[in-house]
Amino acid sequence: MDPLLRRMRLLRTWLGAVLAVWLAYTCQVADSTTEFLGERLNQLAVGILLPGITLPLVIGLFIAAARPHTAPGTPDALSDPWAR
């Protein structure tokens, strides 16, 4: 990746985070900055952990529910559904 593009993306990310905290503090969305950051980190954790846990379970259920003669090919079909 281009180093300039990487730096611009990093700058944009940090600027967005700083502006979100500043806006929450200015508009008094939360009682304190730490409360706001705690809520956002909690949302981030749930947004990553919940799909990370449920997705393998759902795929495992699909594989377990497959008919015995098609079970060996089920992971391939799930990874590339358009392949024949």
N, C-alpha and C. Protein backbone atom coordinates (compact mmCIF):
# COMPACT_ATOMS: atom_id res chain seq x y z
N MET A 1 0.84 -1.17 0.00
CA MET A 1 0.00 0.00 0.00
C MET A 1 0.89 1.24 0.00
N ASP A 2 0.43 2.26 -0.64
CA ASP A 2 1.14 3.52 -0.74
C ASP A 2 1.30 4.13 0.66
N PRO A 3 2.51 4.54 1.04
CA PRO A 3 2.71 5.11 2.38
C PRO A 3 1.90 6.39 2.62
N LEU A 4 1.74 7.21 1.60
CA LEU A 4 0.96 8.43 1.76
C LEU A 4 -0.51 8.08 2.02
N LEU A 5 -1.03 7.12 1.28
CA LEU A 5 -2.42 6.69 1.47
C LEU A 5 -2.62 6.11 2.87
N ARG A 6 -1.65 5.33 3.32
CA ARG A 6 -1.73 4.75 4.67
C ARG A 6 -1.75 5.83 5.74
N ARG A 7 -0.88 6.85 5.58
CA ARG A 7 -0.85 7.95 6.55
C ARG A 7 -2.15 8.74 6.53
N MET A 8 -2.71 8.96 5.33
CA MET A 8 -3.96 9.71 5.23
C MET A 8 -5.11 8.94 5.89
N ARG A 9 -5.15 7.63 5.71
CA ARG A 9 -6.19 6.82 6.35
C ARG A 9 -6.05 6.85 7.86
N LEU A 10 -4.82 6.75 8.34
CA LEU A 10 -4.58 6.80 9.78
C LEU A 10 -4.98 8.16 10.34
N LEU A 11 -4.62 9.23 9.65
CA LEU A 11 -5.00 10.57 10.08
C LEU A 11 -6.51 10.72 10.10
N ARG A 12 -7.18 10.23 9.09
CA ARG A 12 -8.64 10.32 9.01
C ARG A 12 -9.29 9.54 10.16
N THR A 13 -8.74 8.39 10.49
CA THR A 13 -9.29 7.59 11.58
C THR A 13 -9.16 8.31 12.91
N TRP A 14 -7.96 8.82 13.21
CA TRP A 14 -7.75 9.52 14.47
C TRP A 14 -8.54 10.82 14.54
N LEU A 15 -8.61 11.53 13.43
CA LEU A 15 -9.39 12.76 13.40
C LEU A 15 -10.87 12.48 13.67
N GLY A 16 -11.39 11.42 13.09
CA GLY A 16 -12.78 11.04 13.33
C GLY A 16 -13.02 10.68 14.78
N ALA A 17 -12.09 9.96 15.39
CA ALA A 17 -12.23 9.58 16.80
C ALA A 17 -12.20 10.82 17.70
N VAL A 18 -11.27 11.71 17.44
CA VAL A 18 -11.15 12.94 18.24
C VAL A 18 -12.40 13.80 18.07
N LEU A 19 -12.88 13.93 16.85
CA LEU A 19 -14.08 14.74 16.62
C LEU A 19 -15.32 14.13 17.26
N ALA A 20 -15.42 12.81 17.27
CA ALA A 20 -16.57 12.16 17.91
C ALA A 20 -16.57 12.43 19.41
N VAL A 21 -15.40 12.34 20.04
CA VAL A 21 -15.31 12.62 21.48
C VAL A 21 -15.59 14.09 21.75
N TRP A 22 -15.02 14.97 20.93
CA TRP A 22 -15.24 16.40 21.11
C TRP A 22 -16.71 16.76 20.94
N LEU A 23 -17.35 16.19 19.95
CA LEU A 23 -18.77 16.46 19.71
C LEU A 23 -19.63 15.96 20.86
N ALA A 24 -19.33 14.78 21.36
CA ALA A 24 -20.08 14.24 22.49
C ALA A 24 -19.89 15.11 23.73
N TYR A 25 -18.68 15.60 23.93
CA TYR A 25 -18.41 16.45 25.08
C TYR A 25 -19.09 17.81 24.93
N THR A 26 -19.03 18.39 23.74
CA THR A 26 -19.62 19.69 23.49
C THR A 26 -21.13 19.67 23.58
N CYS A 27 -21.74 18.65 22.99
CA CYS A 27 -23.19 18.56 22.97
C CYS A 27 -23.73 17.84 24.20
N GLN A 28 -22.85 17.44 25.09
CA GLN A 28 -23.19 16.75 26.32
C GLN A 28 -24.07 15.52 26.07
N VAL A 29 -23.62 14.71 25.11
CA VAL A 29 -24.29 13.44 24.82
C VAL A 29 -24.12 12.50 26.00
N ALA A 30 -22.96 12.58 26.63
CA ALA A 30 -22.68 11.76 27.80
C ALA A 30 -22.26 12.69 28.94
N ASP A 31 -22.35 12.17 30.16
CA ASP A 31 -21.98 12.98 31.31
C ASP A 31 -20.48 13.25 31.37
N SER A 32 -19.70 12.33 30.86
CA SER A 32 -18.25 12.53 30.87
C SER A 32 -17.64 11.87 29.63
N THR A 33 -16.43 12.26 29.34
CA THR A 33 -15.74 11.70 28.19
C THR A 33 -15.46 10.22 28.40
N THR A 34 -15.10 9.85 29.63
CA THR A 34 -14.81 8.44 29.90
C THR A 34 -16.06 7.58 29.76
N GLU A 35 -17.22 8.12 30.14
CA GLU A 35 -18.47 7.38 29.96
C GLU A 35 -18.75 7.17 28.47
N PHE A 36 -18.54 8.23 27.69
CA PHE A 36 -18.76 8.13 26.25
C PHE A 36 -17.83 7.10 25.62
N LEU A 37 -16.55 7.16 25.99
CA LEU A 37 -15.58 6.21 25.44
C LEU A 37 -15.90 4.79 25.89
N GLY A 38 -16.34 4.63 27.12
CA GLY A 38 -16.71 3.31 27.61
C GLY A 38 -17.88 2.72 26.84
N GLU A 39 -18.87 3.56 26.54
CA GLU A 39 -20.02 3.09 25.75
C GLU A 39 -19.58 2.70 24.34
N ARG A 40 -18.73 3.50 23.74
CA ARG A 40 -18.28 3.21 22.38
C ARG A 40 -17.44 1.93 22.34
N LEU A 41 -16.57 1.74 23.32
CA LEU A 41 -15.76 0.52 23.36
C LEU A 41 -16.64 -0.70 23.60
N ASN A 42 -17.68 -0.53 24.41
CA ASN A 42 -18.62 -1.62 24.64
C ASN A 42 -19.35 -1.98 23.34
N GLN A 43 -19.78 -0.98 22.60
CA GLN A 43 -20.45 -1.23 21.32
C GLN A 43 -19.49 -1.91 20.35
N LEU A 44 -18.24 -1.49 20.34
CA LEU A 44 -17.25 -2.09 19.46
C LEU A 44 -17.01 -3.55 19.83
N ALA A 45 -16.90 -3.83 21.12
CA ALA A 45 -16.68 -5.21 21.56
C ALA A 45 -17.85 -6.10 21.18
N VAL A 46 -19.06 -5.60 21.39
CA VAL A 46 -20.24 -6.39 21.03
C VAL A 46 -20.32 -6.56 19.51
N GLY A 47 -19.98 -5.53 18.78
CA GLY A 47 -20.03 -5.59 17.33
C GLY A 47 -19.02 -6.56 16.73
N ILE A 48 -17.94 -6.80 17.42
CA ILE A 48 -16.92 -7.75 16.93
C ILE A 48 -17.15 -9.15 17.50
N LEU A 49 -17.41 -9.22 18.80
CA LEU A 49 -17.54 -10.52 19.45
C LEU A 49 -18.81 -11.26 19.04
N LEU A 50 -19.92 -10.57 18.97
CA LEU A 50 -21.17 -11.25 18.65
C LEU A 50 -21.13 -11.93 17.29
N PRO A 51 -20.75 -11.25 16.21
CA PRO A 51 -20.65 -11.96 14.93
C PRO A 51 -19.53 -13.00 14.93
N GLY A 52 -18.45 -12.72 15.65
CA GLY A 52 -17.34 -13.66 15.70
C GLY A 52 -17.68 -14.97 16.39
N ILE A 53 -18.64 -14.91 17.29
CA ILE A 53 -19.07 -16.13 17.98
C ILE A 53 -20.21 -16.81 17.22
N THR A 54 -21.18 -16.03 16.76
CA THR A 54 -22.36 -16.64 16.13
C THR A 54 -22.07 -17.17 14.73
N LEU A 55 -21.20 -16.53 13.98
CA LEU A 55 -20.93 -16.99 12.61
C LEU A 55 -20.38 -18.41 12.57
N PRO A 56 -19.36 -18.76 13.35
CA PRO A 56 -18.89 -20.14 13.33
C PRO A 56 -19.97 -21.13 13.80
N LEU A 57 -20.79 -20.71 14.76
CA LEU A 57 -21.86 -21.59 15.22
C LEU A 57 -22.87 -21.87 14.11
N VAL A 58 -23.25 -20.83 13.39
CA VAL A 58 -24.22 -21.01 12.30
C VAL A 58 -23.63 -21.88 11.20
N ILE A 59 -22.39 -21.65 10.83
CA ILE A 59 -21.76 -22.47 9.80
C ILE A 59 -21.64 -23.92 10.28
N GLY A 60 -21.30 -24.10 11.56
CA GLY A 60 -21.25 -25.45 12.12
C GLY A 60 -22.61 -26.13 12.08
N LEU A 61 -23.67 -25.38 12.35
CA LEU A 61 -25.03 -25.95 12.26
C LEU A 61 -25.37 -26.34 10.83
N PHE A 62 -24.98 -25.52 9.86
CA PHE A 62 -25.21 -25.88 8.45
C PHE A 62 -24.50 -27.19 8.10
N ILE A 63 -23.26 -27.32 8.54
CA ILE A 63 -22.51 -28.53 8.25
C ILE A 63 -23.12 -29.73 8.97
N ALA A 64 -23.53 -29.54 10.22
CA ALA A 64 -24.13 -30.64 10.98
C ALA A 64 -25.48 -31.05 10.40
N ALA A 65 -26.22 -30.10 9.83
CA ALA A 65 -27.54 -30.40 9.29
C ALA A 65 -27.48 -30.97 7.87
N ALA A 66 -26.31 -30.98 7.27
CA ALA A 66 -26.19 -31.49 5.90
C ALA A 66 -26.44 -33.00 5.88
N ARG A 67 -26.96 -33.47 4.78
CA ARG A 67 -27.16 -34.91 4.63
C ARG A 67 -25.82 -35.61 4.64
N PRO A 68 -25.77 -36.84 5.14
CA PRO A 68 -24.47 -37.53 5.26
C PRO A 68 -23.69 -37.64 3.95
N HIS A 69 -24.38 -37.86 2.82
CA HIS A 69 -23.63 -38.03 1.58
C HIS A 69 -23.14 -36.70 1.01
N THR A 70 -23.69 -35.56 1.47
CA THR A 70 -23.22 -34.26 1.00
C THR A 70 -22.38 -33.53 2.03
N ALA A 71 -22.26 -34.07 3.23
CA ALA A 71 -21.53 -33.39 4.31
C ALA A 71 -20.07 -33.08 3.96
N PRO A 72 -19.33 -34.00 3.30
CA PRO A 72 -17.94 -33.65 3.01
C PRO A 72 -17.78 -32.44 2.09
N GLY A 73 -18.74 -32.19 1.21
CA GLY A 73 -18.64 -31.05 0.30
C GLY A 73 -19.25 -29.78 0.83
N THR A 74 -19.89 -29.83 1.99
CA THR A 74 -20.58 -28.65 2.51
C THR A 74 -19.63 -27.49 2.81
N PRO A 75 -18.47 -27.69 3.45
CA PRO A 75 -17.59 -26.54 3.68
C PRO A 75 -17.15 -25.86 2.38
N ASP A 76 -16.91 -26.63 1.33
CA ASP A 76 -16.54 -26.02 0.04
C ASP A 76 -17.69 -25.22 -0.53
N ALA A 77 -18.90 -25.74 -0.42
CA ALA A 77 -20.06 -25.02 -0.94
C ALA A 77 -20.31 -23.75 -0.14
N LEU A 78 -20.05 -23.76 1.15
CA LEU A 78 -20.24 -22.56 1.96
C LEU A 78 -19.18 -21.51 1.66
N SER A 79 -17.95 -21.94 1.34
CA SER A 79 -16.90 -20.98 1.09
C SER A 79 -17.02 -20.34 -0.30
N ASP A 80 -17.55 -21.07 -1.27
CA ASP A 80 -17.74 -20.52 -2.61
C ASP A 80 -19.05 -21.05 -3.18
N PRO A 81 -20.17 -20.39 -2.87
CA PRO A 81 -21.47 -20.91 -3.27
C PRO A 81 -21.70 -20.91 -4.78
N TRP A 82 -20.93 -20.15 -5.54
CA TRP A 82 -21.15 -20.09 -6.99
C TRP A 82 -20.33 -21.11 -7.75
N ALA A 83 -19.44 -21.79 -7.06
CA ALA A 83 -18.61 -22.81 -7.74
C ALA A 83 -19.47 -24.04 -8.06
N ARG A 84 -19.14 -24.69 -9.14
CA ARG A 84 -19.89 -25.90 -9.54
C ARG A 84 -18.99 -27.07 -9.60
